[in-house]
Amino acid sequence: MSNCCAPPEKPSKQEISSCCGQAESTGGQGARKAHFDYLLWVSFGLAAILYASYGLNLNPGVEWFEHLGHGVFDLLNTMWWGVVIGALFVGVLSRIPQALILSVLGRGGSINGIVRAAFAGVLLDLCSHGILMVGMKLYQKGASAGQVMAFLISSPWNSFSLTIILIALIGLPWTLAFIGLSMVIALITGYLFDHLIGKGVLPANPHTDTATFDGEYKFWPEAAKQWRGINWSFKLVGEILWDGFKGSRTVLRWLLFGVLLAALIRTFVSLDMFQTWFGPSVLGLVFTLIAATVIEVCSEGSTPIAADLVTRAQAPGNGFAFMMAGVATDYTEIMVLKDTTRSWKLTLFLPLLTLPQVVVVALVLNGMHF
């Protein structure tokens, strides 16, 4: 039984450990070196250049370059804290015994476990990228796919801080409606995932070891025991954070790529044009779903745009769809899920099961507004 002051749980003799998904042996002369992650480091290099150029006012005199640098600068300044806290959670989770984590989430494949995971997502105050890192670590620690999906769908913009922002932007009634409806979609989607896994349609989580979950496992006594065993120090915090960043490389590579793409869209597509095409119509909803898929921003970035869709475009359904569809369809989420679960089939069932629910809710909300 490990604890937070002990090293992370040791990997098996051979496991997928590189961010590119290459198998890397843990020992022996036949060990292969991980391939260079071009996507991670090229995206990091470009983002760093653009961030520094704008931050240090090193504009070469090209207007689009300045706007591009401003987009990267603004996005990274908005989401950095969520990434850091997310990495910290990942580092902590890597040192917590699997049985302790599963005792909080409940048994995978059960309604109780899905409900617990959904509420955990709502209560965890992180942006969408930070929550994605935590969700992938939960999968690696043995949570069922249904629990992970409920966690991801319910959490990105339902944090306490963004709830306050939403209330200020669109009012309390719409905010409560959005939160409640997102929870319903999260629970339905999580149940469907675990049901399909139980039927053999989708692959089960290979990290789940049923022997590690005991219905009689006493969470609070064990958690108190683990807490007492922690020898807090700056060195320990640094190690946990470093372990978290190493465990989050898959997310970081797509996150940085997404920042570059979002900055390009901000540079060459005006917000006025965005609002003109996304009114409370079927066509506007279609464009909203497409935009939510393409525009890769953190929850703090998507919330103001969604609020504009509610207040300026008079399309509350589109505002709800913009936030929810971004969770289910954006390529960062899709690619990170694929890299973590190693299953395209399981990954693509996320938008397949979620989008129809989002569309129905959005059409109802737009109709209610007329």
Protein backbone atom coordinates (compact mmCIF):
# COMPACT_ATOMS: atom_id res chain seq x y z
CA MET A 1 0.00 0.00 0.00
CA SER A 2 1.59 3.26 -1.15
CA ASN A 3 0.78 6.78 -0.01
CA CYS A 4 1.37 10.35 -1.10
CA CYS A 5 4.83 10.45 0.41
CA ALA A 6 5.87 7.31 -1.44
CA PRO A 7 6.98 7.06 -5.07
CA PRO A 8 4.33 6.52 -7.72
CA GLU A 9 3.10 2.99 -8.21
CA LYS A 10 5.61 1.03 -10.24
CA PRO A 11 4.69 0.11 -13.80
CA SER A 12 4.62 -3.40 -15.05
CA LYS A 13 7.60 -4.89 -16.82
CA GLN A 14 6.51 -3.47 -20.11
CA GLU A 15 3.90 -0.78 -20.57
CA ILE A 16 3.01 2.03 -22.88
CA SER A 17 4.83 4.94 -21.32
CA SER A 18 5.83 7.39 -23.97
CA CYS A 19 3.58 10.22 -25.02
CA CYS A 20 3.57 8.89 -28.55
CA GLY A 21 2.18 5.59 -27.43
CA GLN A 22 5.34 3.59 -28.11
CA ALA A 23 6.03 0.58 -25.99
CA GLU A 24 9.01 1.18 -23.82
CA SER A 25 10.62 -1.59 -21.86
CA THR A 26 11.52 -0.79 -18.28
CA GLY A 27 14.81 -2.55 -18.31
CA GLY A 28 17.31 -4.75 -20.12
CA GLN A 29 19.61 -4.18 -23.03
CA GLY A 30 16.77 -4.58 -25.45
CA ALA A 31 14.95 -1.52 -24.15
CA ARG A 32 13.86 0.85 -26.87
CA LYS A 33 13.99 4.58 -26.58
CA ALA A 34 10.76 6.49 -26.93
CA HIS A 35 10.30 8.26 -30.25
CA PHE A 36 10.65 12.01 -30.32
CA ASP A 37 7.24 13.64 -29.87
CA TYR A 38 7.20 16.10 -32.76
CA LEU A 39 3.66 17.31 -32.09
CA LEU A 40 4.44 18.18 -28.48
CA TRP A 41 7.72 19.98 -29.05
CA VAL A 42 6.82 21.72 -32.32
CA SER A 43 3.59 23.01 -30.78
CA PHE A 44 5.46 24.03 -27.65
CA GLY A 45 8.13 25.85 -29.68
CA LEU A 46 5.63 27.78 -31.81
CA ALA A 47 3.49 28.66 -28.80
CA ALA A 48 6.56 29.83 -26.87
CA ILE A 49 7.73 32.03 -29.77
CA LEU A 50 4.31 33.62 -30.22
CA TYR A 51 3.81 34.09 -26.48
CA ALA A 52 7.23 35.71 -26.03
CA SER A 53 6.87 37.91 -29.11
CA TYR A 54 3.64 39.42 -27.81
CA GLY A 55 4.64 39.53 -24.16
CA LEU A 56 7.92 41.26 -24.94
CA ASN A 57 6.39 43.43 -27.68
CA LEU A 58 8.67 42.00 -30.36
CA ASN A 59 6.15 42.38 -33.19
CA PRO A 60 7.90 42.26 -36.60
CA GLY A 61 5.34 44.71 -38.01
CA VAL A 62 2.96 42.10 -39.40
CA GLU A 63 -0.60 42.66 -38.18
CA TRP A 64 -1.78 39.05 -38.37
CA PHE A 65 1.34 37.89 -36.50
CA GLU A 66 0.58 40.32 -33.70
CA HIS A 67 -3.03 39.10 -33.47
CA LEU A 68 -1.83 35.51 -33.50
CA GLY A 69 0.62 36.22 -30.68
CA HIS A 70 -2.12 37.97 -28.71
CA GLY A 71 -4.39 34.93 -29.10
CA VAL A 72 -1.73 32.54 -27.80
CA PHE A 73 -0.79 34.97 -25.01
CA ASP A 74 -4.41 35.36 -23.90
CA LEU A 75 -5.26 31.65 -24.04
CA LEU A 76 -2.17 30.50 -22.14
CA ASN A 77 -2.63 33.18 -19.49
CA THR A 78 -6.24 32.06 -19.06
CA MET A 79 -5.68 28.32 -18.80
CA TRP A 80 -2.25 27.92 -17.18
CA TRP A 81 -3.60 27.61 -13.66
CA GLY A 82 -5.98 24.83 -14.65
CA VAL A 83 -3.15 22.93 -16.30
CA VAL A 84 -0.91 23.30 -13.24
CA ILE A 85 -3.63 22.23 -10.80
CA GLY A 86 -4.62 19.40 -13.11
CA ALA A 87 -1.01 18.19 -13.23
CA LEU A 88 -0.85 18.41 -9.44
CA PHE A 89 -3.97 16.25 -9.15
CA VAL A 90 -2.48 13.74 -11.60
CA GLY A 91 0.73 13.60 -9.56
CA VAL A 92 -1.23 13.02 -6.36
CA LEU A 93 -3.46 10.39 -7.97
CA SER A 94 -0.40 8.48 -9.20
CA ARG A 95 0.64 8.01 -5.54
CA ILE A 96 -2.74 7.14 -4.06
CA PRO A 97 -3.59 3.43 -3.77
CA GLN A 98 -6.02 2.22 -6.41
CA ALA A 99 -8.40 0.78 -3.84
CA LEU A 100 -8.76 4.18 -2.16
CA ILE A 101 -9.66 5.91 -5.44
CA LEU A 102 -12.15 3.23 -6.46
CA SER A 103 -13.79 3.39 -3.03
CA VAL A 104 -14.59 7.07 -3.69
CA LEU A 105 -15.94 6.49 -7.20
CA GLY A 106 -17.76 3.31 -6.30
CA ARG A 107 -17.91 0.14 -8.33
CA GLY A 108 -17.52 0.56 -12.08
CA GLY A 109 -20.56 -0.48 -14.08
CA SER A 110 -22.97 0.58 -11.34
CA ILE A 111 -25.38 3.51 -11.31
CA ASN A 112 -24.04 4.54 -7.92
CA GLY A 113 -20.51 4.71 -9.37
CA ILE A 114 -21.66 6.85 -12.29
CA VAL A 115 -23.54 9.25 -10.01
CA ARG A 116 -20.48 9.57 -7.76
CA ALA A 117 -18.23 10.29 -10.74
CA ALA A 118 -20.61 12.92 -12.14
CA PHE A 119 -20.82 14.77 -8.81
CA ALA A 120 -17.05 14.55 -8.43
CA GLY A 121 -16.72 16.29 -11.80
CA VAL A 122 -19.08 19.07 -10.77
CA LEU A 123 -17.33 19.68 -7.46
CA LEU A 124 -13.78 19.67 -8.85
CA ASP A 125 -12.98 23.30 -9.72
CA LEU A 126 -10.79 22.91 -12.82
CA CYS A 127 -10.89 24.04 -16.43
CA SER A 128 -11.62 21.52 -19.18
CA HIS A 129 -7.96 20.76 -19.85
CA GLY A 130 -7.12 20.26 -16.20
CA ILE A 131 -10.16 18.01 -15.77
CA LEU A 132 -9.15 15.98 -18.83
CA MET A 133 -5.78 15.17 -17.26
CA VAL A 134 -7.47 14.04 -14.05
CA GLY A 135 -10.04 11.99 -15.96
CA MET A 136 -7.37 10.09 -17.88
CA LYS A 137 -5.54 9.31 -14.66
CA LEU A 138 -8.79 8.00 -13.16
CA TYR A 139 -9.12 5.67 -16.16
CA GLN A 140 -5.56 4.46 -15.65
CA LYS A 141 -6.35 3.86 -11.98
CA GLY A 142 -9.23 1.56 -12.89
CA ALA A 143 -12.40 3.70 -13.13
CA SER A 144 -14.89 2.37 -15.67
CA ALA A 145 -15.34 4.12 -19.01
CA GLY A 146 -18.85 5.14 -17.94
CA GLN A 147 -17.52 6.79 -14.79
CA VAL A 148 -14.82 8.63 -16.74
CA MET A 149 -17.31 9.87 -19.35
CA ALA A 150 -19.75 11.06 -16.67
CA PHE A 151 -16.84 12.79 -14.92
CA LEU A 152 -15.68 14.55 -18.10
CA ILE A 153 -19.12 15.60 -19.35
CA SER A 154 -20.34 17.00 -16.03
CA SER A 155 -17.23 18.85 -14.99
CA PRO A 156 -15.51 21.28 -17.39
CA TRP A 157 -17.70 24.36 -16.93
CA ASN A 158 -19.71 23.35 -13.85
CA SER A 159 -16.93 24.38 -11.48
CA PHE A 160 -17.75 26.84 -8.71
CA SER A 161 -15.81 29.73 -10.26
CA LEU A 162 -17.40 29.35 -13.71
CA THR A 163 -20.84 28.94 -12.18
CA ILE A 164 -20.46 32.38 -10.60
CA ILE A 165 -19.29 33.79 -13.93
CA LEU A 166 -22.24 32.23 -15.75
CA ILE A 167 -24.72 33.65 -13.24
CA ALA A 168 -23.27 37.10 -13.85
CA LEU A 169 -23.39 36.68 -17.64
CA ILE A 170 -26.72 34.93 -18.29
CA GLY A 171 -28.55 34.99 -14.94
CA LEU A 172 -29.35 32.40 -12.29
CA PRO A 173 -32.29 30.61 -14.02
CA TRP A 174 -30.38 29.78 -17.19
CA THR A 175 -27.27 28.82 -15.20
CA LEU A 176 -29.21 26.36 -13.04
CA ALA A 177 -30.91 24.95 -16.14
CA PHE A 178 -27.56 24.42 -17.87
CA ILE A 179 -26.05 22.70 -14.81
CA GLY A 180 -29.01 20.40 -14.29
CA LEU A 181 -29.28 19.42 -17.96
CA SER A 182 -25.54 18.75 -18.25
CA MET A 183 -25.75 16.45 -15.23
CA VAL A 184 -28.62 14.53 -16.85
CA ILE A 185 -26.61 14.06 -20.06
CA ALA A 186 -23.53 12.99 -18.08
CA LEU A 187 -25.49 10.36 -16.15
CA ILE A 188 -27.26 8.99 -19.24
CA THR A 189 -24.03 8.82 -21.24
CA GLY A 190 -22.12 7.17 -18.40
CA TYR A 191 -24.86 4.55 -17.97
CA LEU A 192 -24.94 3.82 -21.72
CA PHE A 193 -21.15 3.37 -21.84
CA ASP A 194 -21.09 0.88 -18.97
CA HIS A 195 -24.16 -0.90 -20.37
CA LEU A 196 -22.49 -1.33 -23.78
CA ILE A 197 -19.28 -2.52 -22.11
CA GLY A 198 -21.28 -5.06 -20.13
CA LYS A 199 -22.83 -6.30 -23.39
CA GLY A 200 -19.40 -6.62 -25.00
CA VAL A 201 -20.05 -3.91 -27.58
CA LEU A 202 -17.27 -1.70 -26.20
CA PRO A 203 -13.97 -2.79 -24.62
CA ALA A 204 -13.68 -2.74 -20.84
CA ASN A 205 -10.98 -0.79 -19.02
CA PRO A 206 -7.92 -3.09 -18.93
CA HIS A 207 -6.64 -1.24 -15.85
CA THR A 208 -9.61 -2.35 -13.77
CA ASP A 209 -8.75 -5.16 -11.39
CA THR A 210 -11.93 -6.28 -9.65
CA ALA A 211 -9.87 -7.69 -6.80
CA THR A 212 -8.78 -4.18 -5.84
CA PHE A 213 -12.31 -3.06 -5.06
CA ASP A 214 -13.90 -4.33 -1.92
CA GLY A 215 -17.40 -3.19 -1.04
CA GLU A 216 -16.38 -3.26 2.62
CA TYR A 217 -13.35 -1.03 2.04
CA LYS A 218 -13.39 1.69 4.68
CA PHE A 219 -12.55 4.95 2.96
CA TRP A 220 -12.26 7.40 5.86
CA PRO A 221 -10.05 5.25 8.14
CA GLU A 222 -7.77 4.41 5.23
CA ALA A 223 -7.68 8.04 4.02
CA ALA A 224 -6.77 9.20 7.56
CA LYS A 225 -4.02 6.60 7.69
CA GLN A 226 -2.60 7.77 4.35
CA TRP A 227 -2.79 11.43 5.42
CA ARG A 228 -0.90 10.78 8.64
CA GLY A 229 1.82 9.06 6.66
CA ILE A 230 2.58 12.13 4.51
CA ASN A 231 5.80 13.96 5.34
CA TRP A 232 5.05 17.33 3.76
CA SER A 233 7.95 19.27 2.24
CA PHE A 234 8.68 21.52 -0.73
CA LYS A 235 10.60 18.61 -2.24
CA LEU A 236 7.54 16.35 -2.04
CA VAL A 237 5.30 18.97 -3.69
CA GLY A 238 7.88 19.43 -6.44
CA GLU A 239 8.09 15.69 -7.03
CA ILE A 240 4.31 15.35 -7.18
CA LEU A 241 4.03 18.24 -9.64
CA TRP A 242 6.82 16.83 -11.82
CA ASP A 243 5.21 13.38 -11.81
CA GLY A 244 1.95 15.05 -12.79
CA PHE A 245 3.46 16.84 -15.77
CA LYS A 246 5.17 13.66 -16.93
CA GLY A 247 1.85 11.83 -16.66
CA SER A 248 0.05 14.63 -18.53
CA ARG A 249 2.20 14.83 -21.65
CA THR A 250 -0.49 13.27 -23.83
CA VAL A 251 -2.89 16.06 -22.86
CA LEU A 252 -0.28 18.80 -23.12
CA ARG A 253 0.67 17.91 -26.68
CA TRP A 254 -2.92 18.28 -27.92
CA LEU A 255 -3.58 21.23 -25.66
CA LEU A 256 -0.71 23.25 -27.15
CA PHE A 257 -1.77 22.28 -30.66
CA GLY A 258 -5.32 23.37 -29.80
CA VAL A 259 -4.07 26.73 -28.50
CA LEU A 260 -2.36 27.40 -31.84
CA LEU A 261 -5.49 26.48 -33.80
CA ALA A 262 -7.75 28.56 -31.57
CA ALA A 263 -5.42 31.55 -31.97
CA LEU A 264 -5.61 31.15 -35.76
CA ILE A 265 -9.42 31.17 -35.62
CA ARG A 266 -9.41 34.24 -33.38
CA THR A 267 -7.09 35.97 -35.82
CA PHE A 268 -8.96 35.29 -39.04
CA VAL A 269 -12.63 34.89 -37.90
CA SER A 270 -14.24 37.87 -36.18
CA LEU A 271 -16.61 37.43 -33.24
CA ASP A 272 -19.25 39.51 -35.08
CA MET A 273 -19.25 37.01 -37.94
CA PHE A 274 -19.47 34.23 -35.39
CA GLN A 275 -22.54 35.74 -33.77
CA THR A 276 -24.23 36.52 -37.09
CA TRP A 277 -24.20 32.91 -38.23
CA PHE A 278 -25.19 31.30 -34.94
CA GLY A 279 -28.75 32.42 -34.25
CA PRO A 280 -31.61 30.33 -32.76
CA SER A 281 -32.27 28.23 -35.85
CA VAL A 282 -31.49 24.69 -36.96
CA LEU A 283 -28.79 26.05 -39.26
CA GLY A 284 -27.39 28.16 -36.43
CA LEU A 285 -27.29 25.09 -34.19
CA VAL A 286 -25.46 23.11 -36.88
CA PHE A 287 -22.87 25.88 -37.21
CA THR A 288 -22.58 26.01 -33.42
CA LEU A 289 -21.81 22.29 -33.21
CA ILE A 290 -19.20 22.62 -35.95
CA ALA A 291 -17.62 25.61 -34.21
CA ALA A 292 -17.59 23.80 -30.86
CA THR A 293 -15.69 20.97 -32.50
CA VAL A 294 -13.14 23.19 -34.22
CA ILE A 295 -12.61 25.98 -31.69
CA GLU A 296 -10.36 24.49 -29.03
CA VAL A 297 -10.49 26.74 -25.96
CA CYS A 298 -10.59 26.09 -22.27
CA SER A 299 -13.80 26.45 -20.29
CA GLU A 300 -12.95 30.03 -19.33
CA GLY A 301 -12.58 30.88 -23.01
CA SER A 302 -15.77 29.15 -24.15
CA THR A 303 -18.02 30.53 -21.41
CA PRO A 304 -18.05 34.18 -22.62
CA ILE A 305 -18.75 33.05 -26.19
CA ALA A 306 -21.57 30.81 -24.99
CA ALA A 307 -22.95 33.71 -22.93
CA ASP A 308 -22.96 35.90 -26.05
CA LEU A 309 -24.95 33.23 -27.87
CA VAL A 310 -27.53 33.36 -25.07
CA THR A 311 -27.77 37.13 -24.64
CA ARG A 312 -26.83 38.67 -28.00
CA ALA A 313 -27.81 35.96 -30.48
CA GLN A 314 -30.88 35.14 -28.35
CA ALA A 315 -30.09 31.42 -28.72
CA PRO A 316 -29.78 29.79 -25.28
CA GLY A 317 -29.85 26.34 -26.84
CA ASN A 318 -26.83 27.24 -28.95
CA GLY A 319 -25.03 28.52 -25.88
CA PHE A 320 -25.67 25.24 -24.08
CA ALA A 321 -24.67 23.23 -27.15
CA PHE A 322 -21.47 25.23 -27.57
CA MET A 323 -20.28 24.31 -24.08
CA MET A 324 -21.51 20.72 -24.11
CA ALA A 325 -20.50 19.79 -27.65
CA GLY A 326 -17.03 21.15 -27.03
CA VAL A 327 -16.63 18.53 -24.32
CA ALA A 328 -17.86 15.70 -26.53
CA THR A 329 -16.36 16.52 -29.92
CA ASP A 330 -13.21 18.65 -29.74
CA TYR A 331 -10.15 16.93 -31.15
CA THR A 332 -8.07 17.36 -27.97
CA GLU A 333 -10.60 15.31 -26.03
CA ILE A 334 -10.94 12.75 -28.82
CA MET A 335 -7.21 12.24 -29.33
CA VAL A 336 -6.39 12.12 -25.62
CA LEU A 337 -9.13 9.56 -25.06
CA LYS A 338 -7.80 7.52 -27.97
CA ASP A 339 -4.23 7.65 -26.64
CA THR A 340 -5.36 6.67 -23.13
CA THR A 341 -7.95 3.99 -23.90
CA ARG A 342 -6.20 2.73 -27.06
CA SER A 343 -9.61 2.22 -28.64
CA TRP A 344 -11.03 4.31 -31.49
CA LYS A 345 -14.36 2.54 -31.07
CA LEU A 346 -14.77 3.50 -27.41
CA THR A 347 -13.54 7.04 -28.10
CA LEU A 348 -15.91 7.74 -30.99
CA PHE A 349 -18.88 6.53 -28.98
CA LEU A 350 -18.50 9.68 -26.83
CA PRO A 351 -19.83 12.05 -29.53
CA LEU A 352 -22.11 9.32 -30.91
CA LEU A 353 -23.95 8.98 -27.59
CA THR A 354 -23.67 12.57 -26.36
CA LEU A 355 -24.41 14.74 -29.40
CA PRO A 356 -27.99 13.53 -30.01
CA GLN A 357 -28.85 14.41 -26.40
CA VAL A 358 -27.21 17.83 -26.73
CA VAL A 359 -29.09 18.56 -29.98
CA VAL A 360 -32.47 17.64 -28.47
CA VAL A 361 -31.86 19.79 -25.37
CA ALA A 362 -30.61 22.70 -27.49
CA LEU A 363 -33.66 22.64 -29.76
CA VAL A 364 -35.97 22.57 -26.73
CA LEU A 365 -34.14 25.49 -25.10
CA ASN A 366 -34.27 27.54 -28.30
CA GLY A 367 -37.97 26.74 -28.64
CA MET A 368 -38.62 27.75 -25.05
CA HIS A 369 -36.98 31.07 -25.74
CA PHE A 370 -39.23 31.99 -28.68
